[in-house]
Amino acid sequence: MPFIVHKNKIVYEEEGVMLAEVDFPPIDEETVDICHTFVDSSLRGKGIAGQLMERAVASLRETGRKAYPTCSYAVYWFDEHPEHDDILSDNAG
């Protein structure tokens, strides 16, 4: 699938059109705010948001950063995936 990983954002594109994204801008040098997820209605129900979150977690692990989720989907996703609690900032949840 056409996922593009940036330092603070992961996007899903088809034919050059962005159809889904997760944004995680920095709070400080060690922590990001997972503040926004979006999935186009044409892709809803296909697990794209979860795949974006998995890629975000992998990116944060690779760069040694922690997450503070404020987006409602990100909060829900971490609640459903406690195996990734190690990536959460001590201030999260």
N, C-alpha and C. Protein backbone atom coordinates (compact mmCIF):
# COMPACT_ATOMS: atom_id res chain seq x y z
N MET A 1 0.84 -1.18 0.00
CA MET A 1 0.00 0.00 0.00
C MET A 1 0.89 1.24 0.00
N PRO A 2 0.41 2.27 -0.59
CA PRO A 2 1.23 3.47 -0.78
C PRO A 2 1.27 4.40 0.44
N PHE A 3 1.95 3.97 1.48
CA PHE A 3 2.14 4.81 2.66
C PHE A 3 3.45 5.57 2.50
N ILE A 4 3.46 6.82 2.88
CA ILE A 4 4.66 7.63 2.83
C ILE A 4 4.94 8.12 4.24
N VAL A 5 6.12 7.79 4.75
CA VAL A 5 6.50 8.14 6.12
C VAL A 5 7.35 9.40 6.09
N HIS A 6 6.89 10.41 6.81
CA HIS A 6 7.63 11.64 7.03
C HIS A 6 8.04 11.68 8.50
N LYS A 7 8.83 12.64 8.89
CA LYS A 7 9.28 12.71 10.29
C LYS A 7 8.11 12.83 11.27
N ASN A 8 7.12 13.64 10.95
CA ASN A 8 6.02 13.90 11.87
C ASN A 8 4.64 13.69 11.25
N LYS A 9 4.60 12.85 10.22
CA LYS A 9 3.33 12.59 9.54
C LYS A 9 3.49 11.34 8.69
N ILE A 10 2.42 10.58 8.59
CA ILE A 10 2.39 9.45 7.66
C ILE A 10 1.13 9.62 6.83
N VAL A 11 1.29 9.49 5.52
CA VAL A 11 0.16 9.65 4.63
C VAL A 11 -0.03 8.41 3.77
N TYR A 12 -1.24 8.21 3.35
CA TYR A 12 -1.61 7.15 2.42
C TYR A 12 -2.07 7.84 1.16
N GLU A 13 -1.43 7.54 0.04
CA GLU A 13 -1.77 8.16 -1.22
C GLU A 13 -2.08 7.12 -2.28
N GLU A 14 -2.98 7.47 -3.16
CA GLU A 14 -3.26 6.69 -4.36
C GLU A 14 -3.26 7.66 -5.53
N GLU A 15 -2.46 7.35 -6.54
CA GLU A 15 -2.36 8.18 -7.74
C GLU A 15 -2.10 9.64 -7.39
N GLY A 16 -1.23 9.87 -6.40
CA GLY A 16 -0.86 11.21 -6.01
C GLY A 16 -1.87 11.96 -5.17
N VAL A 17 -2.94 11.30 -4.78
CA VAL A 17 -3.99 11.94 -3.97
C VAL A 17 -3.90 11.40 -2.54
N MET A 18 -3.78 12.31 -1.57
CA MET A 18 -3.72 11.92 -0.17
C MET A 18 -5.13 11.51 0.27
N LEU A 19 -5.25 10.26 0.74
CA LEU A 19 -6.55 9.74 1.16
C LEU A 19 -6.63 9.45 2.66
N ALA A 20 -5.48 9.46 3.33
CA ALA A 20 -5.47 9.21 4.78
C ALA A 20 -4.17 9.75 5.34
N GLU A 21 -4.21 10.13 6.62
CA GLU A 21 -2.99 10.62 7.27
C GLU A 21 -3.11 10.54 8.78
N VAL A 22 -1.95 10.52 9.40
CA VAL A 22 -1.83 10.70 10.84
C VAL A 22 -0.73 11.74 11.06
N ASP A 23 -1.04 12.75 11.86
CA ASP A 23 -0.09 13.82 12.15
C ASP A 23 0.39 13.71 13.59
N PHE A 24 1.70 13.89 13.78
CA PHE A 24 2.25 13.86 15.13
C PHE A 24 3.38 14.88 15.26
N PRO A 25 2.99 16.17 15.38
CA PRO A 25 4.00 17.22 15.52
C PRO A 25 4.70 17.14 16.87
N PRO A 26 5.92 17.66 16.94
CA PRO A 26 6.67 17.59 18.19
C PRO A 26 6.09 18.50 19.28
N ILE A 27 6.12 17.99 20.50
CA ILE A 27 5.84 18.80 21.68
C ILE A 27 7.17 19.34 22.20
N ASP A 28 8.15 18.45 22.22
CA ASP A 28 9.53 18.79 22.56
C ASP A 28 10.42 17.82 21.79
N GLU A 29 11.70 17.76 22.08
CA GLU A 29 12.62 16.92 21.32
C GLU A 29 12.34 15.43 21.46
N GLU A 30 11.68 15.03 22.54
CA GLU A 30 11.48 13.61 22.82
C GLU A 30 10.04 13.15 22.70
N THR A 31 9.10 14.09 22.52
CA THR A 31 7.68 13.74 22.58
C THR A 31 6.92 14.38 21.42
N VAL A 32 5.98 13.61 20.86
CA VAL A 32 5.10 14.15 19.83
C VAL A 32 3.65 14.07 20.30
N ASP A 33 2.83 14.89 19.69
CA ASP A 33 1.39 14.90 19.95
C ASP A 33 0.70 14.24 18.76
N ILE A 34 0.15 13.05 18.95
CA ILE A 34 -0.63 12.43 17.87
C ILE A 34 -1.99 13.12 17.91
N CYS A 35 -2.10 14.17 17.09
CA CYS A 35 -3.23 15.10 17.21
C CYS A 35 -4.28 14.98 16.12
N HIS A 36 -4.00 14.18 15.08
CA HIS A 36 -4.95 14.17 13.96
C HIS A 36 -4.81 12.88 13.17
N THR A 37 -5.95 12.23 12.93
CA THR A 37 -6.00 11.14 11.97
C THR A 37 -7.16 11.42 11.02
N PHE A 38 -6.97 11.03 9.79
CA PHE A 38 -8.00 11.23 8.78
C PHE A 38 -7.96 10.05 7.83
N VAL A 39 -9.13 9.52 7.49
CA VAL A 39 -9.25 8.50 6.45
C VAL A 39 -10.44 8.89 5.58
N ASP A 40 -10.20 9.00 4.29
CA ASP A 40 -11.25 9.33 3.33
C ASP A 40 -12.37 8.30 3.43
N SER A 41 -13.58 8.74 3.21
CA SER A 41 -14.73 7.84 3.33
C SER A 41 -14.63 6.63 2.39
N SER A 42 -13.92 6.75 1.29
CA SER A 42 -13.78 5.63 0.35
C SER A 42 -12.94 4.49 0.92
N LEU A 43 -12.19 4.78 1.98
CA LEU A 43 -11.31 3.76 2.57
C LEU A 43 -11.75 3.32 3.96
N ARG A 44 -12.78 3.92 4.49
CA ARG A 44 -13.20 3.59 5.87
C ARG A 44 -13.62 2.14 5.98
N GLY A 45 -13.30 1.55 7.12
CA GLY A 45 -13.64 0.15 7.36
C GLY A 45 -12.64 -0.83 6.80
N LYS A 46 -11.54 -0.34 6.26
CA LYS A 46 -10.53 -1.20 5.66
C LYS A 46 -9.25 -1.31 6.50
N GLY A 47 -9.28 -0.75 7.71
CA GLY A 47 -8.14 -0.86 8.60
C GLY A 47 -7.00 0.10 8.32
N ILE A 48 -7.25 1.10 7.49
CA ILE A 48 -6.19 2.05 7.13
C ILE A 48 -5.75 2.87 8.34
N ALA A 49 -6.68 3.33 9.16
CA ALA A 49 -6.31 4.14 10.33
C ALA A 49 -5.41 3.34 11.27
N GLY A 50 -5.73 2.09 11.48
CA GLY A 50 -4.89 1.24 12.32
C GLY A 50 -3.50 1.04 11.72
N GLN A 51 -3.44 0.89 10.40
CA GLN A 51 -2.14 0.75 9.75
C GLN A 51 -1.33 2.03 9.86
N LEU A 52 -1.99 3.18 9.78
CA LEU A 52 -1.29 4.44 10.00
C LEU A 52 -0.71 4.50 11.41
N MET A 53 -1.50 4.08 12.39
CA MET A 53 -1.02 4.10 13.78
C MET A 53 0.15 3.14 13.98
N GLU A 54 0.08 1.96 13.39
CA GLU A 54 1.19 1.00 13.49
C GLU A 54 2.46 1.61 12.92
N ARG A 55 2.35 2.26 11.79
CA ARG A 55 3.51 2.89 11.17
C ARG A 55 4.02 4.07 12.00
N ALA A 56 3.11 4.82 12.60
CA ALA A 56 3.52 5.92 13.47
C ALA A 56 4.29 5.39 14.67
N VAL A 57 3.79 4.33 15.29
CA VAL A 57 4.48 3.72 16.43
C VAL A 57 5.87 3.24 16.01
N ALA A 58 5.96 2.59 14.87
CA ALA A 58 7.27 2.11 14.39
C ALA A 58 8.22 3.28 14.15
N SER A 59 7.73 4.35 13.56
CA SER A 59 8.56 5.52 13.32
C SER A 59 9.05 6.14 14.62
N LEU A 60 8.17 6.23 15.60
CA LEU A 60 8.56 6.80 16.89
C LEU A 60 9.58 5.92 17.60
N ARG A 61 9.41 4.61 17.51
CA ARG A 61 10.39 3.71 18.10
C ARG A 61 11.76 3.88 17.44
N GLU A 62 11.76 3.96 16.13
CA GLU A 62 13.02 4.12 15.39
C GLU A 62 13.75 5.40 15.76
N THR A 63 13.00 6.45 16.07
CA THR A 63 13.61 7.74 16.38
C THR A 63 13.72 7.99 17.88
N GLY A 64 13.30 7.02 18.70
CA GLY A 64 13.42 7.15 20.15
C GLY A 64 12.51 8.17 20.77
N ARG A 65 11.38 8.43 20.12
CA ARG A 65 10.45 9.42 20.66
C ARG A 65 9.25 8.74 21.32
N LYS A 66 8.55 9.50 22.14
CA LYS A 66 7.34 9.04 22.82
C LYS A 66 6.13 9.78 22.26
N ALA A 67 4.95 9.23 22.51
CA ALA A 67 3.72 9.82 22.00
C ALA A 67 2.81 10.29 23.12
N TYR A 68 2.18 11.39 22.87
CA TYR A 68 1.10 11.91 23.71
C TYR A 68 -0.12 12.03 22.80
N PRO A 69 -1.03 11.06 22.82
CA PRO A 69 -2.17 11.10 21.90
C PRO A 69 -3.28 12.03 22.39
N THR A 70 -3.66 12.97 21.53
CA THR A 70 -4.80 13.83 21.85
C THR A 70 -5.95 13.63 20.84
N CYS A 71 -5.66 13.06 19.70
CA CYS A 71 -6.70 12.73 18.73
C CYS A 71 -7.56 11.62 19.31
N SER A 72 -8.86 11.74 19.17
CA SER A 72 -9.76 10.74 19.78
C SER A 72 -9.49 9.34 19.23
N TYR A 73 -9.18 9.20 17.95
CA TYR A 73 -8.89 7.87 17.41
C TYR A 73 -7.60 7.33 18.01
N ALA A 74 -6.58 8.16 18.12
CA ALA A 74 -5.30 7.71 18.68
C ALA A 74 -5.48 7.26 20.13
N VAL A 75 -6.25 8.00 20.91
CA VAL A 75 -6.52 7.61 22.31
C VAL A 75 -7.20 6.24 22.32
N TYR A 76 -8.23 6.07 21.50
CA TYR A 76 -8.94 4.80 21.39
C TYR A 76 -7.98 3.68 20.97
N TRP A 77 -7.16 3.95 19.96
CA TRP A 77 -6.26 2.92 19.42
C TRP A 77 -5.28 2.44 20.50
N PHE A 78 -4.71 3.35 21.23
CA PHE A 78 -3.78 2.94 22.29
C PHE A 78 -4.50 2.18 23.40
N ASP A 79 -5.75 2.55 23.70
CA ASP A 79 -6.53 1.80 24.68
C ASP A 79 -6.74 0.36 24.21
N GLU A 80 -6.92 0.18 22.91
CA GLU A 80 -7.16 -1.15 22.34
C GLU A 80 -5.87 -1.94 22.08
N HIS A 81 -4.72 -1.28 22.17
CA HIS A 81 -3.43 -1.91 21.88
C HIS A 81 -2.43 -1.65 23.01
N PRO A 82 -2.69 -2.20 24.20
CA PRO A 82 -1.80 -1.95 25.34
C PRO A 82 -0.38 -2.45 25.12
N GLU A 83 -0.17 -3.30 24.12
CA GLU A 83 1.18 -3.78 23.83
C GLU A 83 2.10 -2.65 23.35
N HIS A 84 1.51 -1.50 23.04
CA HIS A 84 2.30 -0.35 22.60
C HIS A 84 2.40 0.74 23.66
N ASP A 85 2.00 0.44 24.89
CA ASP A 85 2.03 1.43 25.96
C ASP A 85 3.44 1.97 26.22
N ASP A 86 4.45 1.20 25.86
CA ASP A 86 5.83 1.66 26.08
C ASP A 86 6.17 2.91 25.28
N ILE A 87 5.43 3.17 24.23
CA ILE A 87 5.69 4.33 23.39
C ILE A 87 5.00 5.59 23.94
N LEU A 88 4.10 5.42 24.90
CA LEU A 88 3.38 6.57 25.45
C LEU A 88 4.24 7.37 26.41
N SER A 89 4.10 8.68 26.31
CA SER A 89 4.76 9.58 27.22
C SER A 89 4.22 9.36 28.63
N ASP A 90 5.04 9.59 29.63
CA ASP A 90 4.59 9.44 31.03
C ASP A 90 3.41 10.38 31.33
N ASN A 91 3.27 11.44 30.55
CA ASN A 91 2.19 12.40 30.74
C ASN A 91 0.91 11.99 30.02
N ALA A 92 0.99 10.93 29.21
CA ALA A 92 -0.19 10.51 28.44
C ALA A 92 -1.13 9.68 29.30
N GLY A 93 -2.40 9.77 28.96
CA GLY A 93 -3.43 8.95 29.58
C GLY A 93 -3.46 9.17 31.01
